Amino acid sequence: MLGRNSFIVSVFLVFILSISGMLFAQRVIDLDKLWGDMRVLGKDNNDYSGYAVASGDINGDGFMDIIIGAHRADPGDPARSWAGETYVVFGSSSPQSTIDLSTQPADIIVCGAAADDRSGYAVASGDVNGDGLDDIIIG
């Protein structure tokens, strides 16, 4: 039997501070030894959350928000198989070290409209409508 995390992709964020005047030719961060500063666990087994990840200031608060695609998620009741979901986790000055989307919902969830849409296979952000805020772009 597969455990909940068998096909859930964790999104790891490692905040790297740039130091003025220092240049690094190569920097290796081994996630086997370092969990990063923040970790976002997917919502369901086999949803492939984290297959696509982007960032942008969606809510206009000056902090980068994380956009996470889960193209094999099954939203709805009854479930729409592989319709996909996209999650937005708002950034802050003191982010949580671990966010588990199975126990605490994302700040924004966008669900695919029909079975096999695979919404969230690609995600991005940008100011599409010129209002000064980044918009969520989902493929």
N, C-alpha and C. Protein backbone atom coordinates (compact mmCIF):
# COMPACT_ATOMS: atom_id res chain seq x y z
N MET A 1 0.84 -1.18 0.00
CA MET A 1 0.00 0.00 0.00
C MET A 1 0.89 1.24 0.00
N LEU A 2 0.54 2.18 -0.80
CA LEU A 2 1.31 3.41 -0.90
C LEU A 2 0.97 4.35 0.24
N GLY A 3 1.98 4.96 0.82
CA GLY A 3 1.76 5.97 1.85
C GLY A 3 1.35 7.29 1.22
N ARG A 4 0.85 8.19 2.02
CA ARG A 4 0.36 9.47 1.51
C ARG A 4 1.42 10.23 0.75
N ASN A 5 2.67 10.12 1.14
CA ASN A 5 3.72 10.91 0.52
C ASN A 5 4.43 10.21 -0.63
N SER A 6 3.93 9.05 -1.08
CA SER A 6 4.69 8.28 -2.06
C SER A 6 4.85 9.02 -3.39
N PHE A 7 3.86 9.75 -3.83
CA PHE A 7 3.99 10.50 -5.07
C PHE A 7 3.71 11.99 -4.88
N ILE A 8 3.73 12.45 -3.65
CA ILE A 8 3.56 13.87 -3.39
C ILE A 8 4.93 14.52 -3.50
N VAL A 9 5.01 15.52 -4.30
CA VAL A 9 6.26 16.23 -4.46
C VAL A 9 6.30 17.36 -3.44
N SER A 10 7.35 17.45 -2.70
CA SER A 10 7.50 18.55 -1.77
C SER A 10 8.17 19.71 -2.48
N VAL A 11 7.69 20.88 -2.21
CA VAL A 11 8.31 22.09 -2.74
C VAL A 11 9.21 22.64 -1.66
N PHE A 12 10.48 22.76 -1.95
CA PHE A 12 11.44 23.27 -0.98
C PHE A 12 11.87 24.67 -1.40
N LEU A 13 11.87 25.57 -0.48
CA LEU A 13 12.37 26.91 -0.75
C LEU A 13 13.58 27.14 0.12
N VAL A 14 14.65 27.52 -0.49
CA VAL A 14 15.87 27.83 0.25
C VAL A 14 16.16 29.29 -0.01
N PHE A 15 16.10 30.08 1.03
CA PHE A 15 16.35 31.50 0.88
C PHE A 15 17.85 31.73 0.95
N ILE A 16 18.42 32.20 -0.12
CA ILE A 16 19.86 32.44 -0.19
C ILE A 16 20.09 33.94 -0.14
N LEU A 17 20.82 34.35 0.85
CA LEU A 17 21.12 35.77 1.00
C LEU A 17 22.32 36.12 0.15
N SER A 18 22.20 37.16 -0.62
CA SER A 18 23.35 37.61 -1.39
C SER A 18 24.15 38.58 -0.53
N ILE A 19 25.44 38.40 -0.55
CA ILE A 19 26.33 39.25 0.23
C ILE A 19 27.07 40.15 -0.74
N SER A 20 26.94 41.43 -0.55
CA SER A 20 27.55 42.40 -1.45
C SER A 20 29.05 42.15 -1.55
N GLY A 21 29.55 42.13 -2.78
CA GLY A 21 30.98 41.98 -3.01
C GLY A 21 31.46 40.55 -3.05
N MET A 22 30.58 39.57 -2.78
CA MET A 22 31.00 38.17 -2.82
C MET A 22 30.41 37.51 -4.05
N LEU A 23 31.20 36.71 -4.71
CA LEU A 23 30.76 36.03 -5.91
C LEU A 23 30.99 34.54 -5.72
N PHE A 24 29.96 33.75 -5.93
CA PHE A 24 30.08 32.31 -5.81
C PHE A 24 30.07 31.71 -7.21
N ALA A 25 31.10 30.96 -7.55
CA ALA A 25 31.16 30.31 -8.86
C ALA A 25 30.16 29.16 -8.91
N GLN A 26 30.03 28.44 -7.81
CA GLN A 26 29.09 27.33 -7.76
C GLN A 26 28.61 27.19 -6.33
N ARG A 27 27.33 26.94 -6.18
CA ARG A 27 26.76 26.74 -4.85
C ARG A 27 25.90 25.48 -4.93
N VAL A 28 26.22 24.46 -4.15
CA VAL A 28 25.46 23.22 -4.14
C VAL A 28 24.66 23.15 -2.85
N ILE A 29 23.36 22.95 -2.99
CA ILE A 29 22.49 22.78 -1.83
C ILE A 29 21.92 21.38 -1.92
N ASP A 30 22.28 20.51 -1.00
CA ASP A 30 21.86 19.12 -0.99
C ASP A 30 20.61 18.99 -0.13
N LEU A 31 19.44 18.80 -0.78
CA LEU A 31 18.18 18.72 -0.05
C LEU A 31 18.04 17.43 0.74
N ASP A 32 18.98 16.48 0.53
CA ASP A 32 18.98 15.29 1.36
C ASP A 32 19.46 15.62 2.77
N LYS A 33 20.26 16.67 2.87
CA LYS A 33 20.81 17.06 4.16
C LYS A 33 20.20 18.36 4.70
N LEU A 34 19.49 19.07 3.85
CA LEU A 34 18.91 20.36 4.22
C LEU A 34 17.48 20.41 3.73
N TRP A 35 16.54 20.68 4.63
CA TRP A 35 15.14 20.75 4.24
C TRP A 35 14.77 22.08 3.61
N GLY A 36 15.65 23.03 3.63
CA GLY A 36 15.31 24.35 3.12
C GLY A 36 14.66 25.17 4.22
N ASP A 37 14.34 26.38 3.88
CA ASP A 37 13.72 27.27 4.86
C ASP A 37 12.22 27.07 4.96
N MET A 38 11.64 26.54 3.91
CA MET A 38 10.20 26.33 3.88
C MET A 38 9.91 25.11 3.02
N ARG A 39 8.92 24.33 3.44
CA ARG A 39 8.55 23.13 2.70
C ARG A 39 7.04 23.12 2.56
N VAL A 40 6.54 22.86 1.36
CA VAL A 40 5.11 22.75 1.11
C VAL A 40 4.84 21.32 0.65
N LEU A 41 4.04 20.59 1.44
CA LEU A 41 3.69 19.22 1.10
C LEU A 41 2.40 19.20 0.31
N GLY A 42 2.32 18.33 -0.68
CA GLY A 42 1.13 18.22 -1.52
C GLY A 42 -0.10 17.77 -0.75
N LYS A 43 -1.25 17.94 -1.39
CA LYS A 43 -2.53 17.67 -0.73
C LYS A 43 -2.87 16.17 -0.73
N ASP A 44 -2.73 15.51 -1.85
CA ASP A 44 -3.16 14.12 -1.97
C ASP A 44 -2.09 13.26 -2.61
N ASN A 45 -2.19 11.96 -2.35
CA ASN A 45 -1.32 10.99 -2.97
C ASN A 45 -1.51 11.03 -4.49
N ASN A 46 -0.45 10.98 -5.23
CA ASN A 46 -0.45 10.93 -6.70
C ASN A 46 -0.93 12.20 -7.38
N ASP A 47 -1.02 13.34 -6.69
CA ASP A 47 -1.51 14.56 -7.35
C ASP A 47 -0.42 15.31 -8.11
N TYR A 48 0.83 14.91 -7.91
CA TYR A 48 1.99 15.53 -8.57
C TYR A 48 2.11 17.02 -8.24
N SER A 49 1.73 17.39 -7.04
CA SER A 49 1.88 18.79 -6.66
C SER A 49 3.36 19.13 -6.62
N GLY A 50 3.68 20.29 -7.14
CA GLY A 50 5.07 20.71 -7.24
C GLY A 50 5.70 20.38 -8.57
N TYR A 51 4.97 19.70 -9.45
CA TYR A 51 5.50 19.42 -10.79
C TYR A 51 5.80 20.74 -11.50
N ALA A 52 4.95 21.72 -11.26
CA ALA A 52 5.17 23.07 -11.78
C ALA A 52 5.08 24.05 -10.61
N VAL A 53 6.04 24.95 -10.54
CA VAL A 53 6.08 25.93 -9.45
C VAL A 53 6.49 27.28 -10.02
N ALA A 54 5.87 28.34 -9.53
CA ALA A 54 6.23 29.71 -9.93
C ALA A 54 6.02 30.62 -8.72
N SER A 55 6.41 31.86 -8.88
CA SER A 55 6.18 32.83 -7.81
C SER A 55 5.80 34.17 -8.41
N GLY A 56 5.12 34.96 -7.62
CA GLY A 56 4.73 36.31 -8.02
C GLY A 56 3.98 36.94 -6.86
N ASP A 57 3.88 38.25 -6.86
CA ASP A 57 3.15 38.94 -5.79
C ASP A 57 1.69 39.04 -6.20
N ILE A 58 0.93 37.99 -5.95
CA ILE A 58 -0.46 37.88 -6.38
C ILE A 58 -1.37 38.84 -5.61
N ASN A 59 -1.15 38.97 -4.31
CA ASN A 59 -2.05 39.78 -3.48
C ASN A 59 -1.54 41.20 -3.24
N GLY A 60 -0.42 41.58 -3.83
CA GLY A 60 0.06 42.95 -3.77
C GLY A 60 0.59 43.41 -2.43
N ASP A 61 1.01 42.49 -1.57
CA ASP A 61 1.51 42.89 -0.24
C ASP A 61 3.02 43.09 -0.19
N GLY A 62 3.69 42.94 -1.33
CA GLY A 62 5.14 43.13 -1.38
C GLY A 62 5.94 41.87 -1.13
N PHE A 63 5.28 40.76 -0.81
CA PHE A 63 5.95 39.47 -0.61
C PHE A 63 5.63 38.55 -1.77
N MET A 64 6.62 37.77 -2.20
CA MET A 64 6.40 36.82 -3.28
C MET A 64 5.53 35.67 -2.77
N ASP A 65 4.54 35.31 -3.56
CA ASP A 65 3.65 34.20 -3.25
C ASP A 65 4.07 33.00 -4.09
N ILE A 66 3.77 31.80 -3.63
CA ILE A 66 4.16 30.58 -4.32
C ILE A 66 2.95 30.01 -5.04
N ILE A 67 3.13 29.69 -6.32
CA ILE A 67 2.09 29.07 -7.13
C ILE A 67 2.53 27.64 -7.39
N ILE A 68 1.70 26.67 -7.03
CA ILE A 68 2.06 25.26 -7.12
C ILE A 68 1.02 24.52 -7.95
N GLY A 69 1.46 23.90 -9.03
CA GLY A 69 0.57 23.12 -9.87
C GLY A 69 0.52 21.67 -9.43
N ALA A 70 -0.66 21.07 -9.49
CA ALA A 70 -0.87 19.64 -9.18
C ALA A 70 -1.77 19.08 -10.27
N HIS A 71 -1.19 18.76 -11.42
CA HIS A 71 -1.99 18.44 -12.60
C HIS A 71 -2.72 17.09 -12.53
N ARG A 72 -2.42 16.27 -11.56
CA ARG A 72 -3.14 15.00 -11.42
C ARG A 72 -4.09 15.00 -10.22
N ALA A 73 -4.38 16.15 -9.68
CA ALA A 73 -5.33 16.24 -8.57
C ALA A 73 -6.74 15.93 -9.08
N ASP A 74 -7.57 15.43 -8.19
CA ASP A 74 -8.94 15.04 -8.52
C ASP A 74 -9.93 15.89 -7.71
N PRO A 75 -10.17 17.15 -8.12
CA PRO A 75 -11.06 18.02 -7.34
C PRO A 75 -12.53 17.69 -7.55
N GLY A 76 -13.35 18.22 -6.67
CA GLY A 76 -14.80 18.14 -6.84
C GLY A 76 -15.42 16.97 -6.11
N ASP A 77 -16.74 16.99 -6.06
CA ASP A 77 -17.52 15.92 -5.46
C ASP A 77 -18.75 15.71 -6.33
N PRO A 78 -18.81 14.69 -7.17
CA PRO A 78 -17.82 13.62 -7.29
C PRO A 78 -16.53 14.12 -7.95
N ALA A 79 -15.47 13.41 -7.67
CA ALA A 79 -14.14 13.81 -8.14
C ALA A 79 -14.06 13.82 -9.67
N ARG A 80 -13.39 14.84 -10.18
CA ARG A 80 -13.09 14.94 -11.61
C ARG A 80 -11.64 14.45 -11.78
N SER A 81 -11.49 13.21 -12.20
CA SER A 81 -10.19 12.57 -12.27
C SER A 81 -9.21 13.35 -13.15
N TRP A 82 -8.07 13.69 -12.56
CA TRP A 82 -6.97 14.40 -13.22
C TRP A 82 -7.41 15.76 -13.79
N ALA A 83 -8.41 16.37 -13.21
CA ALA A 83 -8.78 17.72 -13.64
C ALA A 83 -7.68 18.70 -13.27
N GLY A 84 -6.98 18.43 -12.17
CA GLY A 84 -5.86 19.26 -11.73
C GLY A 84 -6.29 20.38 -10.81
N GLU A 85 -5.33 20.82 -10.00
CA GLU A 85 -5.53 21.96 -9.12
C GLU A 85 -4.27 22.80 -9.11
N THR A 86 -4.44 24.07 -8.82
CA THR A 86 -3.31 24.98 -8.62
C THR A 86 -3.51 25.67 -7.28
N TYR A 87 -2.45 25.70 -6.49
CA TYR A 87 -2.51 26.28 -5.15
C TYR A 87 -1.64 27.53 -5.10
N VAL A 88 -2.12 28.54 -4.39
CA VAL A 88 -1.32 29.73 -4.13
C VAL A 88 -1.16 29.86 -2.62
N VAL A 89 0.09 29.93 -2.19
CA VAL A 89 0.41 30.15 -0.78
C VAL A 89 1.00 31.54 -0.67
N PHE A 90 0.34 32.41 0.08
CA PHE A 90 0.81 33.79 0.21
C PHE A 90 2.11 33.86 1.00
N GLY A 91 3.01 34.70 0.55
CA GLY A 91 4.27 34.93 1.24
C GLY A 91 4.08 35.88 2.41
N SER A 92 5.06 35.89 3.29
CA SER A 92 5.02 36.80 4.44
C SER A 92 6.44 37.03 4.93
N SER A 93 6.58 37.92 5.89
CA SER A 93 7.90 38.20 6.46
C SER A 93 8.37 37.08 7.37
N SER A 94 7.45 36.24 7.82
CA SER A 94 7.81 35.11 8.68
C SER A 94 7.04 33.86 8.22
N PRO A 95 7.47 33.25 7.10
CA PRO A 95 6.75 32.09 6.58
C PRO A 95 6.87 30.88 7.49
N GLN A 96 5.87 30.02 7.44
CA GLN A 96 5.91 28.77 8.20
C GLN A 96 7.00 27.87 7.62
N SER A 97 7.60 27.03 8.45
CA SER A 97 8.64 26.15 7.95
C SER A 97 8.07 25.00 7.14
N THR A 98 6.87 24.53 7.48
CA THR A 98 6.21 23.46 6.72
C THR A 98 4.74 23.80 6.56
N ILE A 99 4.26 23.70 5.34
CA ILE A 99 2.84 23.85 5.05
C ILE A 99 2.40 22.54 4.43
N ASP A 100 1.42 21.90 5.04
CA ASP A 100 0.89 20.63 4.55
C ASP A 100 -0.49 20.89 3.98
N LEU A 101 -0.62 20.84 2.66
CA LEU A 101 -1.88 21.19 2.00
C LEU A 101 -2.99 20.17 2.26
N SER A 102 -2.66 19.02 2.86
CA SER A 102 -3.70 18.05 3.21
C SER A 102 -4.40 18.42 4.52
N THR A 103 -3.75 19.26 5.33
CA THR A 103 -4.34 19.65 6.61
C THR A 103 -4.66 21.13 6.72
N GLN A 104 -4.02 21.94 5.90
CA GLN A 104 -4.32 23.38 5.90
C GLN A 104 -4.42 23.84 4.45
N PRO A 105 -5.56 24.37 4.07
CA PRO A 105 -5.76 24.73 2.67
C PRO A 105 -4.87 25.89 2.23
N ALA A 106 -4.59 25.91 0.94
CA ALA A 106 -3.85 27.02 0.36
C ALA A 106 -4.70 28.28 0.44
N ASP A 107 -4.07 29.43 0.26
CA ASP A 107 -4.81 30.70 0.29
C ASP A 107 -5.74 30.83 -0.91
N ILE A 108 -5.32 30.30 -2.05
CA ILE A 108 -6.16 30.27 -3.25
C ILE A 108 -6.03 28.87 -3.85
N ILE A 109 -7.16 28.28 -4.26
CA ILE A 109 -7.16 26.99 -4.96
C ILE A 109 -7.96 27.17 -6.24
N VAL A 110 -7.36 26.84 -7.38
CA VAL A 110 -8.04 26.89 -8.67
C VAL A 110 -8.14 25.45 -9.17
N CYS A 111 -9.37 24.99 -9.45
CA CYS A 111 -9.61 23.61 -9.86
C CYS A 111 -9.88 23.53 -11.36
N GLY A 112 -9.36 22.48 -11.98
CA GLY A 112 -9.65 22.23 -13.39
C GLY A 112 -11.13 21.99 -13.59
N ALA A 113 -11.65 22.35 -14.77
CA ALA A 113 -13.09 22.31 -15.02
C ALA A 113 -13.63 20.91 -15.28
N ALA A 114 -12.85 20.06 -15.93
CA ALA A 114 -13.35 18.75 -16.33
C ALA A 114 -12.28 17.68 -16.14
N ALA A 115 -12.73 16.44 -16.08
CA ALA A 115 -11.80 15.33 -15.95
C ALA A 115 -10.77 15.38 -17.08
N ASP A 116 -9.54 15.04 -16.76
CA ASP A 116 -8.42 15.01 -17.70
C ASP A 116 -8.00 16.38 -18.22
N ASP A 117 -8.44 17.47 -17.60
CA ASP A 117 -7.94 18.80 -17.98
C ASP A 117 -6.46 18.93 -17.66
N ARG A 118 -6.02 18.31 -16.58
CA ARG A 118 -4.64 18.39 -16.09
C ARG A 118 -4.20 19.84 -15.88
N SER A 119 -5.12 20.63 -15.40
CA SER A 119 -4.85 22.02 -15.07
C SER A 119 -3.76 22.09 -14.01
N GLY A 120 -2.80 22.96 -14.19
CA GLY A 120 -1.68 23.06 -13.26
C GLY A 120 -0.43 22.37 -13.77
N TYR A 121 -0.48 21.81 -14.98
CA TYR A 121 0.70 21.17 -15.57
C TYR A 121 1.82 22.19 -15.74
N ALA A 122 1.41 23.42 -16.01
CA ALA A 122 2.36 24.54 -16.09
C ALA A 122 1.74 25.72 -15.36
N VAL A 123 2.55 26.44 -14.59
CA VAL A 123 2.08 27.63 -13.90
C VAL A 123 3.10 28.75 -14.05
N ALA A 124 2.60 29.97 -14.02
CA ALA A 124 3.47 31.14 -14.13
C ALA A 124 2.72 32.32 -13.51
N SER A 125 3.37 33.47 -13.50
CA SER A 125 2.70 34.68 -13.05
C SER A 125 3.21 35.86 -13.86
N GLY A 126 2.39 36.89 -13.91
CA GLY A 126 2.75 38.11 -14.60
C GLY A 126 1.57 39.05 -14.56
N ASP A 127 1.82 40.32 -14.77
CA ASP A 127 0.75 41.32 -14.74
C ASP A 127 0.07 41.35 -16.11
N VAL A 128 -0.87 40.45 -16.31
CA VAL A 128 -1.53 40.30 -17.61
C VAL A 128 -2.46 41.47 -17.93
N ASN A 129 -3.18 41.99 -16.94
CA ASN A 129 -4.18 43.02 -17.20
C ASN A 129 -3.73 44.44 -16.85
N GLY A 130 -2.46 44.62 -16.49
CA GLY A 130 -1.92 45.95 -16.27
C GLY A 130 -2.38 46.66 -15.01
N ASP A 131 -2.85 45.91 -14.01
CA ASP A 131 -3.33 46.54 -12.78
C ASP A 131 -2.25 46.68 -11.71
N GLY A 132 -1.02 46.27 -12.04
CA GLY A 132 0.07 46.38 -11.08
C GLY A 132 0.24 45.17 -10.18
N LEU A 133 -0.64 44.18 -10.30
CA LEU A 133 -0.55 42.95 -9.51
C LEU A 133 -0.23 41.78 -10.44
N ASP A 134 0.57 40.84 -9.94
CA ASP A 134 0.82 39.63 -10.72
C ASP A 134 -0.45 38.80 -10.76
N ASP A 135 -0.73 38.23 -11.93
CA ASP A 135 -1.87 37.35 -12.12
C ASP A 135 -1.38 35.91 -12.18
N ILE A 136 -2.26 34.97 -11.88
CA ILE A 136 -1.93 33.55 -11.93
C ILE A 136 -2.17 33.06 -13.35
N ILE A 137 -1.17 32.44 -13.94
CA ILE A 137 -1.28 31.89 -15.29
C ILE A 137 -1.17 30.37 -15.16
N ILE A 138 -2.19 29.66 -15.65
CA ILE A 138 -2.26 28.21 -15.48
C ILE A 138 -2.41 27.54 -16.84
N GLY A 139 -1.58 26.54 -17.07
CA GLY A 139 -1.67 25.75 -18.31
C GLY A 139 -1.97 24.32 -17.99
